[in-house]
PDB file of N, CA and C in Angstrom:
ATOM      1  N   MET A   1      16.421  35.457   2.489  1.00  0.00           N
ATOM      2  CA  MET A   1      15.116  34.843   2.649  1.00  0.00           C
ATOM      3  C   MET A   1      14.067  35.915   2.925  1.00  0.00           C
ATOM      4  N   THR A   2      12.967  35.771   2.260  1.00  0.00           N
ATOM      5  CA  THR A   2      11.880  36.716   2.485  1.00  0.00           C
ATOM      6  C   THR A   2      10.935  36.176   3.554  1.00  0.00           C
ATOM      7  N   LYS A   3      10.028  37.028   3.975  1.00  0.00           N
ATOM      8  CA  LYS A   3       9.037  36.627   4.977  1.00  0.00           C
ATOM      9  C   LYS A   3       8.159  35.493   4.442  1.00  0.00           C
ATOM     10  N   LYS A   4       7.880  35.545   3.140  1.00  0.00           N
ATOM     11  CA  LYS A   4       7.055  34.512   2.500  1.00  0.00           C
ATOM     12  C   LYS A   4       7.767  33.156   2.528  1.00  0.00           C
ATOM     13  N   ASP A   5       9.100  33.158   2.282  1.00  0.00           N
ATOM     14  CA  ASP A   5       9.876  31.913   2.322  1.00  0.00           C
ATOM     15  C   ASP A   5       9.858  31.299   3.719  1.00  0.00           C
ATOM     16  N   VAL A   6      10.007  32.137   4.732  1.00  0.00           N
ATOM     17  CA  VAL A   6      10.002  31.652   6.115  1.00  0.00           C
ATOM     18  C   VAL A   6       8.638  31.052   6.441  1.00  0.00           C
ATOM     19  N   LYS A   7       7.565  31.705   6.011  1.00  0.00           N
ATOM     20  CA  LYS A   7       6.219  31.201   6.262  1.00  0.00           C
ATOM     21  C   LYS A   7       6.015  29.857   5.557  1.00  0.00           C
ATOM     22  N   GLY A   8       6.508  29.732   4.316  1.00  0.00           N
ATOM     23  CA  GLY A   8       6.402  28.476   3.572  1.00  0.00           C
ATOM     24  C   GLY A   8       7.163  27.351   4.253  1.00  0.00           C
ATOM     25  N   ASP A   9       8.364  27.654   4.749  1.00  0.00           N
ATOM     26  CA  ASP A   9       9.159  26.646   5.460  1.00  0.00           C
ATOM     27  C   ASP A   9       8.452  26.193   6.737  1.00  0.00           C
ATOM     28  N   LYS A  10       7.804  27.137   7.424  1.00  0.00           N
ATOM     29  CA  LYS A  10       7.087  26.798   8.649  1.00  0.00           C
ATOM     30  C   LYS A  10       5.894  25.897   8.336  1.00  0.00           C
ATOM     31  N   ILE A  11       5.203  26.167   7.239  1.00  0.00           N
ATOM     32  CA  ILE A  11       4.063  25.330   6.844  1.00  0.00           C
ATOM     33  C   ILE A  11       4.531  23.907   6.568  1.00  0.00           C
ATOM     34  N   VAL A  12       5.644  23.772   5.843  1.00  0.00           N
ATOM     35  CA  VAL A  12       6.175  22.439   5.527  1.00  0.00           C
ATOM     36  C   VAL A  12       6.587  21.721   6.806  1.00  0.00           C
ATOM     37  N   ALA A  13       7.287  22.421   7.695  1.00  0.00           N
ATOM     38  CA  ALA A  13       7.730  21.800   8.951  1.00  0.00           C
ATOM     39  C   ALA A  13       6.533  21.364   9.801  1.00  0.00           C
ATOM     40  N   ASP A  14       5.530  22.222   9.902  1.00  0.00           N
ATOM     41  CA  ASP A  14       4.331  21.864  10.673  1.00  0.00           C
ATOM     42  C   ASP A  14       3.599  20.686  10.034  1.00  0.00           C
ATOM     43  N   PHE A  15       3.501  20.699   8.723  1.00  0.00           N
ATOM     44  CA  PHE A  15       2.834  19.608   8.002  1.00  0.00           C
ATOM     45  C   PHE A  15       3.542  18.283   8.261  1.00  0.00           C
ATOM     46  N   LEU A  16       4.869  18.279   8.137  1.00  0.00           N
ATOM     47  CA  LEU A  16       5.633  17.045   8.333  1.00  0.00           C
ATOM     48  C   LEU A  16       5.551  16.562   9.784  1.00  0.00           C
ATOM     49  N   LYS A  17       5.454  17.483  10.717  1.00  0.00           N
ATOM     50  CA  LYS A  17       5.316  17.110  12.125  1.00  0.00           C
ATOM     51  C   LYS A  17       3.919  16.525  12.395  1.00  0.00           C
ATOM     52  N   PHE A  18       2.917  17.073  11.740  1.00  0.00           N
ATOM     53  CA  PHE A  18       1.529  16.686  11.974  1.00  0.00           C
ATOM     54  C   PHE A  18       1.176  15.314  11.396  1.00  0.00           C
ATOM     55  N   ILE A  19       1.759  14.933  10.251  1.00  0.00           N
ATOM     56  CA  ILE A  19       1.317  13.734   9.528  1.00  0.00           C
ATOM     57  C   ILE A  19       1.693  12.421  10.202  1.00  0.00           C
ATOM     58  N   GLY A  20       2.712  12.412  11.018  1.00  0.00           N
ATOM     59  CA  GLY A  20       3.088  11.184  11.712  1.00  0.00           C
ATOM     60  C   GLY A  20       4.127  10.376  10.949  1.00  0.00           C
ATOM     61  N   GLY A  21       4.642   9.363  11.606  1.00  0.00           N
ATOM     62  CA  GLY A  21       5.762   8.583  11.088  1.00  0.00           C
ATOM     63  C   GLY A  21       5.477   7.775   9.842  1.00  0.00           C
ATOM     64  N   GLU A  22       4.318   7.147   9.780  1.00  0.00           N
ATOM     65  CA  GLU A  22       4.004   6.276   8.642  1.00  0.00           C
ATOM     66  C   GLU A  22       3.869   7.070   7.342  1.00  0.00           C
ATOM     67  N   VAL A  23       3.145   8.182   7.400  1.00  0.00           N
ATOM     68  CA  VAL A  23       2.967   9.011   6.202  1.00  0.00           C
ATOM     69  C   VAL A  23       4.278   9.709   5.856  1.00  0.00           C
ATOM     70  N   TYR A  24       5.043  10.112   6.878  1.00  0.00           N
ATOM     71  CA  TYR A  24       6.342  10.726   6.610  1.00  0.00           C
ATOM     72  C   TYR A  24       7.244   9.752   5.860  1.00  0.00           C
ATOM     73  N   SER A  25       7.225   8.501   6.262  1.00  0.00           N
ATOM     74  CA  SER A  25       8.024   7.484   5.582  1.00  0.00           C
ATOM     75  C   SER A  25       7.602   7.350   4.117  1.00  0.00           C
ATOM     76  N   LEU A  26       6.303   7.397   3.862  1.00  0.00           N
ATOM     77  CA  LEU A  26       5.799   7.342   2.491  1.00  0.00           C
ATOM     78  C   LEU A  26       6.265   8.555   1.690  1.00  0.00           C
ATOM     79  N   ILE A  27       6.143   9.744   2.265  1.00  0.00           N
ATOM     80  CA  ILE A  27       6.584  10.961   1.569  1.00  0.00           C
ATOM     81  C   ILE A  27       8.077  10.902   1.295  1.00  0.00           C
ATOM     82  N   LYS A  28       8.827  10.400   2.251  1.00  0.00           N
ATOM     83  CA  LYS A  28      10.277  10.282   2.085  1.00  0.00           C
ATOM     84  C   LYS A  28      10.605   9.379   0.894  1.00  0.00           C
ATOM     85  N   THR A  29       9.856   8.296   0.756  1.00  0.00           N
ATOM     86  CA  THR A  29      10.051   7.379  -0.372  1.00  0.00           C
ATOM     87  C   THR A  29       9.639   8.037  -1.683  1.00  0.00           C
ATOM     88  N   LEU A  30       8.504   8.719  -1.681  1.00  0.00           N
ATOM     89  CA  LEU A  30       8.011   9.356  -2.903  1.00  0.00           C
ATOM     90  C   LEU A  30       8.899  10.511  -3.352  1.00  0.00           C
ATOM     91  N   ALA A  31       9.500  11.213  -2.404  1.00  0.00           N
ATOM     92  CA  ALA A  31      10.307  12.389  -2.721  1.00  0.00           C
ATOM     93  C   ALA A  31      11.770  12.060  -3.004  1.00  0.00           C
ATOM     94  N   TYR A  32      12.181  10.821  -2.792  1.00  0.00           N
ATOM     95  CA  TYR A  32      13.581  10.437  -2.966  1.00  0.00           C
ATOM     96  C   TYR A  32      14.079  10.868  -4.334  1.00  0.00           C
ATOM     97  N   PRO A  33      15.233  11.421  -4.485  1.00  0.00           N
ATOM     98  CA  PRO A  33      16.369  11.601  -3.582  1.00  0.00           C
ATOM     99  C   PRO A  33      16.320  12.897  -2.769  1.00  0.00           C
ATOM    100  N   GLU A  34      15.301  13.721  -2.964  1.00  0.00           N
ATOM    101  CA  GLU A  34      15.171  14.961  -2.188  1.00  0.00           C
ATOM    102  C   GLU A  34      14.717  14.649  -0.762  1.00  0.00           C
ATOM    103  N   LYS A  35      15.031  15.554   0.144  1.00  0.00           N
ATOM    104  CA  LYS A  35      14.530  15.431   1.510  1.00  0.00           C
ATOM    105  C   LYS A  35      13.196  16.166   1.580  1.00  0.00           C
ATOM    106  N   PRO A  36      12.199  15.586   2.234  1.00  0.00           N
ATOM    107  CA  PRO A  36      10.875  16.218   2.287  1.00  0.00           C
ATOM    108  C   PRO A  36      10.893  17.649   2.826  1.00  0.00           C
ATOM    109  N   ILE A  37      11.750  17.931   3.784  1.00  0.00           N
ATOM    110  CA  ILE A  37      11.791  19.271   4.379  1.00  0.00           C
ATOM    111  C   ILE A  37      12.255  20.320   3.372  1.00  0.00           C
ATOM    112  N   SER A  38      12.982  19.900   2.331  1.00  0.00           N
ATOM    113  CA  SER A  38      13.489  20.855   1.343  1.00  0.00           C
ATOM    114  C   SER A  38      12.489  21.141   0.224  1.00  0.00           C
ATOM    115  N   LEU A  39      11.386  20.409   0.193  1.00  0.00           N
ATOM    116  CA  LEU A  39      10.386  20.596  -0.859  1.00  0.00           C
ATOM    117  C   LEU A  39       9.289  21.553  -0.403  1.00  0.00           C
ATOM    118  N   PRO A  40       8.720  22.311  -1.337  1.00  0.00           N
ATOM    119  CA  PRO A  40       7.593  23.176  -0.967  1.00  0.00           C
ATOM    120  C   PRO A  40       6.344  22.358  -0.646  1.00  0.00           C
ATOM    121  N   TYR A  41       5.443  22.963   0.099  1.00  0.00           N
ATOM    122  CA  TYR A  41       4.209  22.289   0.514  1.00  0.00           C
ATOM    123  C   TYR A  41       3.414  21.799  -0.689  1.00  0.00           C
ATOM    124  N   ALA A  42       3.337  22.608  -1.739  1.00  0.00           N
ATOM    125  CA  ALA A  42       2.561  22.230  -2.933  1.00  0.00           C
ATOM    126  C   ALA A  42       3.098  20.943  -3.555  1.00  0.00           C
ATOM    127  N   THR A  43       4.404  20.772  -3.569  1.00  0.00           N
ATOM    128  CA  THR A  43       5.011  19.561  -4.129  1.00  0.00           C
ATOM    129  C   THR A  43       4.695  18.347  -3.261  1.00  0.00           C
ATOM    130  N   LEU A  44       4.796  18.502  -1.950  1.00  0.00           N
ATOM    131  CA  LEU A  44       4.474  17.395  -1.039  1.00  0.00           C
ATOM    132  C   LEU A  44       3.017  16.969  -1.200  1.00  0.00           C
ATOM    133  N   LYS A  45       2.144  17.952  -1.288  1.00  0.00           N
ATOM    134  CA  LYS A  45       0.716  17.674  -1.463  1.00  0.00           C
ATOM    135  C   LYS A  45       0.470  16.938  -2.779  1.00  0.00           C
ATOM    136  N   GLU A  46       1.122  17.387  -3.840  1.00  0.00           N
ATOM    137  CA  GLU A  46       0.963  16.745  -5.151  1.00  0.00           C
ATOM    138  C   GLU A  46       1.468  15.306  -5.132  1.00  0.00           C
ATOM    139  N   LEU A  47       2.602  15.063  -4.488  1.00  0.00           N
ATOM    140  CA  LEU A  47       3.142  13.700  -4.387  1.00  0.00           C
ATOM    141  C   LEU A  47       2.144  12.770  -3.700  1.00  0.00           C
ATOM    142  N   LEU A  48       1.586  13.216  -2.591  1.00  0.00           N
ATOM    143  CA  LEU A  48       0.626  12.384  -1.855  1.00  0.00           C
ATOM    144  C   LEU A  48      -0.660  12.154  -2.643  1.00  0.00           C
ATOM    145  N   LEU A  49      -1.187  13.202  -3.242  1.00  0.00           N
ATOM    146  CA  LEU A  49      -2.436  13.059  -4.000  1.00  0.00           C
ATOM    147  C   LEU A  49      -2.263  12.143  -5.204  1.00  0.00           C
ATOM    148  N   ASN A  50      -1.141  12.256  -5.905  1.00  0.00           N
ATOM    149  CA  ASN A  50      -0.888  11.369  -7.049  1.00  0.00           C
ATOM    150  C   ASN A  50      -0.761   9.919  -6.607  1.00  0.00           C
ATOM    151  N   HIS A  51      -0.142   9.694  -5.462  1.00  0.00           N
ATOM    152  CA  HIS A  51       0.006   8.333  -4.944  1.00  0.00           C
ATOM    153  C   HIS A  51      -1.359   7.740  -4.600  1.00  0.00           C
ATOM    154  N   VAL A  52      -2.193   8.506  -3.937  1.00  0.00           N
ATOM    155  CA  VAL A  52      -3.520   8.030  -3.544  1.00  0.00           C
ATOM    156  C   VAL A  52      -4.400   7.818  -4.765  1.00  0.00           C
ATOM    157  N   LYS A  53      -4.309   8.708  -5.740  1.00  0.00           N
ATOM    158  CA  LYS A  53      -5.126   8.595  -6.946  1.00  0.00           C
ATOM    159  C   LYS A  53      -4.812   7.298  -7.683  1.00  0.00           C
ATOM    160  N   CYS A  54      -3.544   6.981  -7.859  1.00  0.00           N
ATOM    161  CA  CYS A  54      -3.154   5.742  -8.552  1.00  0.00           C
ATOM    162  C   CYS A  54      -3.601   4.518  -7.764  1.00  0.00           C
ATOM    163  N   THR A  55      -3.415   4.544  -6.477  1.00  0.00           N
ATOM    164  CA  THR A  55      -3.800   3.412  -5.645  1.00  0.00           C
ATOM    165  C   THR A  55      -5.296   3.161  -5.724  1.00  0.00           C
ATOM    166  N   SER A  56      -6.095   4.211  -5.654  1.00  0.00           N
ATOM    167  CA  SER A  56      -7.546   4.059  -5.715  1.00  0.00           C
ATOM    168  C   SER A  56      -7.980   3.468  -7.046  1.00  0.00           C
ATOM    169  N   PHE A  57      -7.376   3.924  -8.126  1.00  0.00           N
ATOM    170  CA  PHE A  57      -7.735   3.433  -9.449  1.00  0.00           C
ATOM    171  C   PHE A  57      -7.425   1.943  -9.568  1.00  0.00           C
ATOM    172  N   GLU A  58      -6.250   1.535  -9.112  1.00  0.00           N
ATOM    173  CA  GLU A  58      -5.862   0.128  -9.192  1.00  0.00           C
ATOM    174  C   GLU A  58      -6.793  -0.740  -8.344  1.00  0.00           C
ATOM    175  N   CYS A  59      -7.140  -0.266  -7.168  1.00  0.00           N
ATOM    176  CA  CYS A  59      -8.042  -1.028  -6.294  1.00  0.00           C
ATOM    177  C   CYS A  59      -9.421  -1.168  -6.915  1.00  0.00           C
ATOM    178  N   ARG A  60      -9.900  -0.092  -7.526  1.00  0.00           N
ATOM    179  CA  ARG A  60     -11.223  -0.134  -8.146  1.00  0.00           C
ATOM    180  C   ARG A  60     -11.234  -1.123  -9.302  1.00  0.00           C
ATOM    181  N   GLU A  61     -10.198  -1.111 -10.132  1.00  0.00           N
ATOM    182  CA  GLU A  61     -10.128  -2.034 -11.265  1.00  0.00           C
ATOM    183  C   GLU A  61     -10.007  -3.483 -10.785  1.00  0.00           C
ATOM    184  N   ARG A  62      -9.234  -3.704  -9.730  1.00  0.00           N
ATOM    185  CA  ARG A  62      -9.082  -5.049  -9.179  1.00  0.00           C
ATOM    186  C   ARG A  62     -10.423  -5.567  -8.667  1.00  0.00           C
ATOM    187  N   ALA A  63     -11.147  -4.721  -7.940  1.00  0.00           N
ATOM    188  CA  ALA A  63     -12.453  -5.122  -7.408  1.00  0.00           C
ATOM    189  C   ALA A  63     -13.445  -5.392  -8.534  1.00  0.00           C
ATOM    190  N   LYS A  64     -13.419  -4.561  -9.551  1.00  0.00           N
ATOM    191  CA  LYS A  64     -14.325  -4.739 -10.690  1.00  0.00           C
ATOM    192  C   LYS A  64     -14.069  -6.079 -11.370  1.00  0.00           C
ATOM    193  N   PHE A  65     -12.798  -6.438 -11.524  1.00  0.00           N
ATOM    194  CA  PHE A  65     -12.442  -7.704 -12.167  1.00  0.00           C
ATOM    195  C   PHE A  65     -12.915  -8.888 -11.325  1.00  0.00           C
ATOM    196  N   HIS A  66     -12.649  -8.833 -10.025  1.00  0.00           N
ATOM    197  CA  HIS A  66     -12.982  -9.960  -9.154  1.00  0.00           C
ATOM    198  C   HIS A  66     -14.484 -10.119  -8.924  1.00  0.00           C
ATOM    199  N   LYS A  67     -15.263  -9.070  -9.179  1.00  0.00           N
ATOM    200  CA  LYS A  67     -16.713  -9.147  -9.005  1.00  0.00           C
ATOM    201  C   LYS A  67     -17.434  -9.619 -10.267  1.00  0.00           C
ATOM    202  N   MET A  68     -16.697  -9.834 -11.345  1.00  0.00           N
ATOM    203  CA  MET A  68     -17.348 -10.230 -12.598  1.00  0.00           C
ATOM    204  C   MET A  68     -17.977 -11.620 -12.465  1.00  0.00           C
ATOM    205  N   ILE A  69     -19.245 -11.707 -12.838  1.00  0.00           N
ATOM    206  CA  ILE A  69     -20.000 -12.965 -12.799  1.00  0.00           C
ATOM    207  C   ILE A  69     -20.752 -13.094 -14.109  1.00  0.00           C
ATOM    208  N   ARG A  70     -20.742 -14.289 -14.650  1.00  0.00           N
ATOM    209  CA  ARG A  70     -21.473 -14.523 -15.897  1.00  0.00           C
ATOM    210  C   ARG A  70     -22.963 -14.509 -15.623  1.00  0.00           C
ATOM    211  N   GLN A  71     -23.674 -13.730 -16.410  1.00  0.00           N
ATOM    212  CA  GLN A  71     -25.132 -13.656 -16.305  1.00  0.00           C
ATOM    213  C   GLN A  71     -25.755 -14.866 -16.996  1.00  0.00           C
ATOM    214  N   ASN A  72     -26.943 -15.250 -16.580  1.00  0.00           N
ATOM    215  CA  ASN A  72     -27.614 -16.420 -17.157  1.00  0.00           C
ATOM    216  C   ASN A  72     -27.857 -16.277 -18.653  1.00  0.00           C
ATOM    217  N   ASP A  73     -28.156 -15.070 -19.102  1.00  0.00           N
ATOM    218  CA  ASP A  73     -28.441 -14.869 -20.520  1.00  0.00           C
ATOM    219  C   ASP A  73     -27.194 -14.527 -21.341  1.00  0.00           C
ATOM    220  N   GLN A  74     -26.024 -14.537 -20.713  1.00  0.00           N
ATOM    221  CA  GLN A  74     -24.782 -14.187 -21.392  1.00  0.00           C
ATOM    222  C   GLN A  74     -24.083 -15.448 -21.889  1.00  0.00           C
ATOM    223  N   LYS A  75     -23.641 -15.402 -23.146  1.00  0.00           N
ATOM    224  CA  LYS A  75     -22.916 -16.544 -23.706  1.00  0.00           C
ATOM    225  C   LYS A  75     -21.548 -16.640 -23.042  1.00  0.00           C
ATOM    226  N   VAL A  76     -21.041 -17.859 -22.962  1.00  0.00           N
ATOM    227  CA  VAL A  76     -19.731 -18.090 -22.354  1.00  0.00           C
ATOM    228  C   VAL A  76     -18.652 -17.336 -23.126  1.00  0.00           C
ATOM    229  N   SER A  77     -18.736 -17.359 -24.444  1.00  0.00           N
ATOM    230  CA  SER A  77     -17.731 -16.668 -25.258  1.00  0.00           C
ATOM    231  C   SER A  77     -17.742 -15.158 -24.998  1.00  0.00           C
ATOM    232  N   GLU A  78     -18.932 -14.573 -24.787  1.00  0.00           N
ATOM    233  CA  GLU A  78     -19.026 -13.144 -24.473  1.00  0.00           C
ATOM    234  C   GLU A  78     -18.421 -12.851 -23.100  1.00  0.00           C
ATOM    235  N   PHE A  79     -18.670 -13.743 -22.147  1.00  0.00           N
ATOM    236  CA  PHE A  79     -18.125 -13.560 -20.807  1.00  0.00           C
ATOM    237  C   PHE A  79     -16.598 -13.652 -20.823  1.00  0.00           C
ATOM    238  N   ILE A  80     -16.080 -14.598 -21.573  1.00  0.00           N
ATOM    239  CA  ILE A  80     -14.625 -14.741 -21.686  1.00  0.00           C
ATOM    240  C   ILE A  80     -14.023 -13.492 -22.314  1.00  0.00           C
ATOM    241  N   LEU A  81     -14.691 -12.949 -23.314  1.00  0.00           N
ATOM    242  CA  LEU A  81     -14.221 -11.721 -23.954  1.00  0.00           C
ATOM    243  C   LEU A  81     -14.188 -10.563 -22.948  1.00  0.00           C
ATOM    244  N   GLU A  82     -15.217 -10.448 -22.111  1.00  0.00           N
ATOM    245  CA  GLU A  82     -15.251  -9.412 -21.075  1.00  0.00           C
ATOM    246  C   GLU A  82     -14.118  -9.607 -20.064  1.00  0.00           C
ATOM    247  N   LEU A  83     -13.878 -10.860 -19.680  1.00  0.00           N
ATOM    248  CA  LEU A  83     -12.765 -11.149 -18.767  1.00  0.00           C
ATOM    249  C   LEU A  83     -11.434 -10.732 -19.375  1.00  0.00           C
ATOM    250  N   GLN A  84     -11.252 -11.037 -20.643  1.00  0.00           N
ATOM    251  CA  GLN A  84     -10.009 -10.677 -21.321  1.00  0.00           C
ATOM    252  C   GLN A  84      -9.840  -9.163 -21.414  1.00  0.00           C
ATOM    253  N   LYS A  85     -10.928  -8.450 -21.669  1.00  0.00           N
ATOM    254  CA  LYS A  85     -10.857  -6.984 -21.723  1.00  0.00           C
ATOM    255  C   LYS A  85     -10.433  -6.416 -20.374  1.00  0.00           C
ATOM    256  N   GLN A  86     -11.040  -6.925 -19.304  1.00  0.00           N
ATOM    257  CA  GLN A  86     -10.683  -6.449 -17.970  1.00  0.00           C
ATOM    258  C   GLN A  86      -9.247  -6.831 -17.612  1.00  0.00           C
ATOM    259  N   ALA A  87      -8.843  -8.032 -17.989  1.00  0.00           N
ATOM    260  CA  ALA A  87      -7.479  -8.486 -17.688  1.00  0.00           C
ATOM    261  C   ALA A  87      -6.451  -7.637 -18.419  1.00  0.00           C
ATOM    262  N   ALA A  88      -6.783  -7.175 -19.614  1.00  0.00           N
ATOM    263  CA  ALA A  88      -5.856  -6.343 -20.380  1.00  0.00           C
ATOM    264  C   ALA A  88      -5.635  -4.990 -19.694  1.00  0.00           C
ATOM    265  N   LYS A  89      -6.617  -4.520 -18.945  1.00  0.00           N
ATOM    266  CA  LYS A  89      -6.507  -3.241 -18.243  1.00  0.00           C
ATOM    267  C   LYS A  89      -5.651  -3.347 -16.989  1.00  0.00           C
ATOM    268  N   ARG A  90      -5.454  -4.538 -16.475  1.00  0.00           N
ATOM    269  CA  ARG A  90      -4.803  -4.735 -15.194  1.00  0.00           C
ATOM    270  C   ARG A  90      -3.414  -5.306 -15.358  1.00  0.00           C
ATOM    271  N   ASN A  91      -2.600  -5.079 -14.371  1.00  0.00           N
ATOM    272  CA  ASN A  91      -1.262  -5.642 -14.334  1.00  0.00           C
ATOM    273  C   ASN A  91      -1.267  -6.756 -13.287  1.00  0.00           C
ATOM    274  N   PHE A  92      -1.367  -8.001 -13.745  1.00  0.00           N
ATOM    275  CA  PHE A  92      -1.470  -9.116 -12.810  1.00  0.00           C
ATOM    276  C   PHE A  92      -0.171  -9.374 -12.057  1.00  0.00           C
ATOM    277  N   MET A  93       0.951  -8.847 -12.544  1.00  0.00           N
ATOM    278  CA  MET A  93       2.205  -9.021 -11.814  1.00  0.00           C
ATOM    279  C   MET A  93       2.148  -8.276 -10.477  1.00  0.00           C
ATOM    280  N   ILE A  94       1.418  -7.176 -10.410  1.00  0.00           N
ATOM    281  CA  ILE A  94       1.281  -6.450  -9.144  1.00  0.00           C
ATOM    282  C   ILE A  94       0.606  -7.344  -8.112  1.00  0.00           C
ATOM    283  N   ASP A  95      -0.492  -8.006  -8.514  1.00  0.00           N
ATOM    284  CA  ASP A  95      -1.188  -8.919  -7.605  1.00  0.00           C
ATOM    285  C   ASP A  95      -0.293 -10.075  -7.199  1.00  0.00           C
ATOM    286  N   PHE A  96       0.440 -10.611  -8.162  1.00  0.00           N
ATOM    287  CA  PHE A  96       1.306 -11.750  -7.898  1.00  0.00           C
ATOM    288  C   PHE A  96       2.367 -11.380  -6.871  1.00  0.00           C
ATOM    289  N   MET A  97       2.977 -10.200  -7.015  1.00  0.00           N
ATOM    290  CA  MET A  97       4.026  -9.774  -6.090  1.00  0.00           C
ATOM    291  C   MET A  97       3.454  -9.417  -4.724  1.00  0.00           C
ATOM    292  N   CYS A  98       2.236  -8.881  -4.691  1.00  0.00           N
ATOM    293  CA  CYS A  98       1.620  -8.492  -3.415  1.00  0.00           C
ATOM    294  C   CYS A  98       1.194  -9.704  -2.604  1.00  0.00           C
ATOM    295  N   ASN A  99       0.810 -10.777  -3.282  1.00  0.00           N
ATOM    296  CA  ASN A  99       0.338 -11.958  -2.566  1.00  0.00           C
ATOM    297  C   ASN A  99       1.497 -12.806  -2.263  1.00  0.00           C
TER     298      ASN A  99
END
């Protein structure tokens, strides 16, 4: 082991100690079957950022869909088409399972 490896291991150990139980549990799930302590810091960071990025996108699309309102000057057929376009972008099974 080099000095750089020891420093990297210390960063990972400190990071895992600092984040707390709830986030550690999430990282453990995301990193499965590997153990979080065996992964480099860059990999742990990437796992968390990718998870947050996907979650934010899904939430934004869900909110956009639920906020859709037909405008007074908009034809019903046009509004239905917009609803269908938004529905095609979303996975309604996720909402169904979450509720």
